[in-house]
Amino acid sequence: VQLVESGGGLVQPGGSLRLSCAASGFTFASYAMYWYRQAPGKERELVASITTFGDRKYADFMEGRGTISRDNYKNTMYLEMNNLKFEDTAMYYCNAVLDSFNTYWGKGTLVTVSS
């Protein structure tokens, strides 16, 4: 199983970014997928999730500013974030939970919001 995030970068407050997570090594369409983030000195936290049916959930801090999506033909998940704030600065991780014993993480993509 491999999860590879991309799309992070430096953005000004109020700006937008689209993160991608390319998945391989498992049947992507059969599993819910998750975006997490971890800011310096803080615990990793759930940002958004998407089920196999496309049902979406967001953390309160991302509600109304983020859109999670998936393309099962491309085995890729996305997170579009708008109106980015300083406090969104973090490493963003892609996560797949295949069963109780097998949880996979990507290496992350860094989002820095700074003026």
C-alpha atoms as a PDB file:
ATOM      1  CA  VAL A   1       0.000   0.000   0.000  1.00  0.00           C
ATOM      2  CA  GLN A   2       1.291   3.426  -0.887  1.00  0.00           C
ATOM      3  CA  LEU A   3      -0.232   6.839  -0.286  1.00  0.00           C
ATOM      4  CA  VAL A   4       1.490   9.862  -1.796  1.00  0.00           C
ATOM      5  CA  GLU A   5       0.331  13.377  -0.980  1.00  0.00           C
ATOM      6  CA  SER A   6       1.071  16.429  -3.090  1.00  0.00           C
ATOM      7  CA  GLY A   7      -0.133  19.961  -3.640  1.00  0.00           C
ATOM      8  CA  GLY A   8       1.043  21.646  -0.473  1.00  0.00           C
ATOM      9  CA  GLY A   9       2.948  24.886  -0.506  1.00  0.00           C
ATOM     10  CA  LEU A  10       3.170  28.445   0.699  1.00  0.00           C
ATOM     11  CA  VAL A  11      -0.010  30.455   0.415  1.00  0.00           C
ATOM     12  CA  GLN A  12      -1.181  33.813   1.730  1.00  0.00           C
ATOM     13  CA  PRO A  13      -4.111  34.088   4.142  1.00  0.00           C
ATOM     14  CA  GLY A  14      -7.343  33.901   2.214  1.00  0.00           C
ATOM     15  CA  GLY A  15      -5.753  31.824  -0.511  1.00  0.00           C
ATOM     16  CA  SER A  16      -6.579  28.349  -1.761  1.00  0.00           C
ATOM     17  CA  LEU A  17      -4.827  25.050  -2.259  1.00  0.00           C
ATOM     18  CA  ARG A  18      -5.801  21.677  -3.682  1.00  0.00           C
ATOM     19  CA  LEU A  19      -4.138  18.683  -2.096  1.00  0.00           C
ATOM     20  CA  SER A  20      -3.994  15.285  -3.787  1.00  0.00           C
ATOM     21  CA  CYS A  21      -3.442  11.783  -2.446  1.00  0.00           C
ATOM     22  CA  ALA A  22      -2.465   9.126  -4.961  1.00  0.00           C
ATOM     23  CA  ALA A  23      -3.211   5.638  -3.676  1.00  0.00           C
ATOM     24  CA  SER A  24      -1.912   2.277  -4.845  1.00  0.00           C
ATOM     25  CA  GLY A  25      -1.630  -1.291  -3.635  1.00  0.00           C
ATOM     26  CA  PHE A  26      -5.240  -1.757  -2.574  1.00  0.00           C
ATOM     27  CA  THR A  27      -8.750  -1.496  -4.005  1.00  0.00           C
ATOM     28  CA  PHE A  28      -9.133   2.250  -3.513  1.00  0.00           C
ATOM     29  CA  ALA A  29     -12.828   2.375  -4.370  1.00  0.00           C
ATOM     30  CA  SER A  30     -13.666  -0.076  -1.581  1.00  0.00           C
ATOM     31  CA  TYR A  31     -12.465   2.025   1.352  1.00  0.00           C
ATOM     32  CA  ALA A  32     -13.298   5.260   3.066  1.00  0.00           C
ATOM     33  CA  MET A  33     -10.456   7.737   2.975  1.00  0.00           C
ATOM     34  CA  TYR A  34      -9.339  10.448   5.359  1.00  0.00           C
ATOM     35  CA  TRP A  35      -7.317  13.658   5.490  1.00  0.00           C
ATOM     36  CA  TYR A  36      -5.521  14.502   8.738  1.00  0.00           C
ATOM     37  CA  ARG A  37      -3.214  17.323   9.677  1.00  0.00           C
ATOM     38  CA  GLN A  38      -0.594  17.962  12.318  1.00  0.00           C
ATOM     39  CA  ALA A  39       0.640  21.395  13.242  1.00  0.00           C
ATOM     40  CA  PRO A  40       3.963  21.901  15.035  1.00  0.00           C
ATOM     41  CA  GLY A  41       3.636  20.989  18.687  1.00  0.00           C
ATOM     42  CA  LYS A  42       0.088  19.719  18.292  1.00  0.00           C
ATOM     43  CA  GLU A  43      -1.562  16.339  17.939  1.00  0.00           C
ATOM     44  CA  ARG A  44      -2.657  14.969  14.617  1.00  0.00           C
ATOM     45  CA  GLU A  45      -6.315  15.778  13.930  1.00  0.00           C
ATOM     46  CA  LEU A  46      -8.923  14.658  11.454  1.00  0.00           C
ATOM     47  CA  VAL A  47      -9.703  17.221   8.763  1.00  0.00           C
ATOM     48  CA  ALA A  48     -12.201  15.439   6.518  1.00  0.00           C
ATOM     49  CA  SER A  49     -13.416  12.021   5.446  1.00  0.00           C
ATOM     50  CA  ILE A  50     -15.159  10.530   2.444  1.00  0.00           C
ATOM     51  CA  THR A  51     -16.926   7.171   2.251  1.00  0.00           C
ATOM     52  CA  THR A  52     -17.010   4.762  -0.650  1.00  0.00           C
ATOM     53  CA  PHE A  53     -20.391   6.265  -1.550  1.00  0.00           C
ATOM     54  CA  GLY A  54     -19.018   9.790  -1.549  1.00  0.00           C
ATOM     55  CA  ASP A  55     -20.526  10.897   1.760  1.00  0.00           C
ATOM     56  CA  ARG A  56     -18.381  13.633   3.253  1.00  0.00           C
ATOM     57  CA  LYS A  57     -17.704  14.869   6.749  1.00  0.00           C
ATOM     58  CA  TYR A  58     -15.572  17.780   7.917  1.00  0.00           C
ATOM     59  CA  ALA A  59     -14.015  18.951  11.123  1.00  0.00           C
ATOM     60  CA  ASP A  60     -15.661  22.089  12.432  1.00  0.00           C
ATOM     61  CA  PHE A  61     -12.604  24.181  11.540  1.00  0.00           C
ATOM     62  CA  MET A  62     -12.812  23.078   7.887  1.00  0.00           C
ATOM     63  CA  GLU A  63     -16.595  23.139   7.438  1.00  0.00           C
ATOM     64  CA  GLY A  64     -17.539  25.590   4.704  1.00  0.00           C
ATOM     65  CA  ARG A  65     -13.939  26.102   3.560  1.00  0.00           C
ATOM     66  CA  GLY A  66     -12.932  22.643   2.401  1.00  0.00           C
ATOM     67  CA  THR A  67     -14.144  20.112  -0.134  1.00  0.00           C
ATOM     68  CA  ILE A  68     -13.018  16.503  -0.020  1.00  0.00           C
ATOM     69  CA  SER A  69     -13.484  14.401  -3.129  1.00  0.00           C
ATOM     70  CA  ARG A  70     -12.278  11.216  -4.736  1.00  0.00           C
ATOM     71  CA  ASP A  71     -11.748   9.850  -8.227  1.00  0.00           C
ATOM     72  CA  ASN A  72     -11.967   6.076  -8.083  1.00  0.00           C
ATOM     73  CA  TYR A  73     -10.771   5.750 -11.679  1.00  0.00           C
ATOM     74  CA  LYS A  74      -7.578   7.617 -10.862  1.00  0.00           C
ATOM     75  CA  ASN A  75      -7.242   6.114  -7.353  1.00  0.00           C
ATOM     76  CA  THR A  76      -6.847   9.633  -6.053  1.00  0.00           C
ATOM     77  CA  MET A  77      -8.382  11.652  -3.244  1.00  0.00           C
ATOM     78  CA  TYR A  78      -8.428  15.444  -3.086  1.00  0.00           C
ATOM     79  CA  LEU A  79      -8.853  18.181  -0.535  1.00  0.00           C
ATOM     80  CA  GLU A  80      -9.573  21.651  -1.810  1.00  0.00           C
ATOM     81  CA  MET A  81      -9.161  24.298   0.852  1.00  0.00           C
ATOM     82  CA  ASN A  82     -10.283  27.896   0.494  1.00  0.00           C
ATOM     83  CA  ASN A  83      -9.967  30.990   2.638  1.00  0.00           C
ATOM     84  CA  LEU A  84      -6.886  29.542   4.283  1.00  0.00           C
ATOM     85  CA  LYS A  85      -5.912  30.900   7.687  1.00  0.00           C
ATOM     86  CA  PHE A  86      -2.629  31.092   9.574  1.00  0.00           C
ATOM     87  CA  GLU A  87      -3.846  28.273  11.819  1.00  0.00           C
ATOM     88  CA  ASP A  88      -4.219  25.951   8.842  1.00  0.00           C
ATOM     89  CA  THR A  89      -0.445  25.715   8.672  1.00  0.00           C
ATOM     90  CA  ALA A  90       0.357  22.032   9.152  1.00  0.00           C
ATOM     91  CA  MET A  91       1.544  18.844   7.548  1.00  0.00           C
ATOM     92  CA  TYR A  92      -1.425  17.239   5.825  1.00  0.00           C
ATOM     93  CA  TYR A  93      -1.644  13.446   5.680  1.00  0.00           C
ATOM     94  CA  CYS A  94      -3.678  10.979   3.696  1.00  0.00           C
ATOM     95  CA  ASN A  95      -4.997   7.973   5.609  1.00  0.00           C
ATOM     96  CA  ALA A  96      -6.546   4.649   4.688  1.00  0.00           C
ATOM     97  CA  VAL A  97      -7.901   2.114   7.176  1.00  0.00           C
ATOM     98  CA  LEU A  98      -8.164  -1.253   5.504  1.00  0.00           C
ATOM     99  CA  ASP A  99      -9.100  -3.209   8.637  1.00  0.00           C
ATOM    100  CA  SER A 100      -8.506  -3.238  12.388  1.00  0.00           C
ATOM    101  CA  PHE A 101      -4.873  -4.152  11.946  1.00  0.00           C
ATOM    102  CA  ASN A 102      -3.904  -2.265   8.809  1.00  0.00           C
ATOM    103  CA  THR A 103      -3.828   1.515   8.805  1.00  0.00           C
ATOM    104  CA  TYR A 104      -1.718   3.363   6.280  1.00  0.00           C
ATOM    105  CA  TRP A 105      -0.383   6.888   6.139  1.00  0.00           C
ATOM    106  CA  GLY A 106       1.343   8.920   3.498  1.00  0.00           C
ATOM    107  CA  LYS A 107       4.426  10.993   4.259  1.00  0.00           C
ATOM    108  CA  GLY A 108       2.454  14.202   4.151  1.00  0.00           C
ATOM    109  CA  THR A 109       2.475  17.466   2.260  1.00  0.00           C
ATOM    110  CA  LEU A 110       3.265  20.737   3.999  1.00  0.00           C
ATOM    111  CA  VAL A 111       0.831  23.631   3.913  1.00  0.00           C
ATOM    112  CA  THR A 112       2.190  26.959   5.106  1.00  0.00           C
ATOM    113  CA  VAL A 113      -0.112  29.954   5.380  1.00  0.00           C
ATOM    114  CA  SER A 114       1.891  33.120   5.726  1.00  0.00           C
ATOM    115  CA  SER A 115       1.881  36.700   4.556  1.00  0.00           C
END
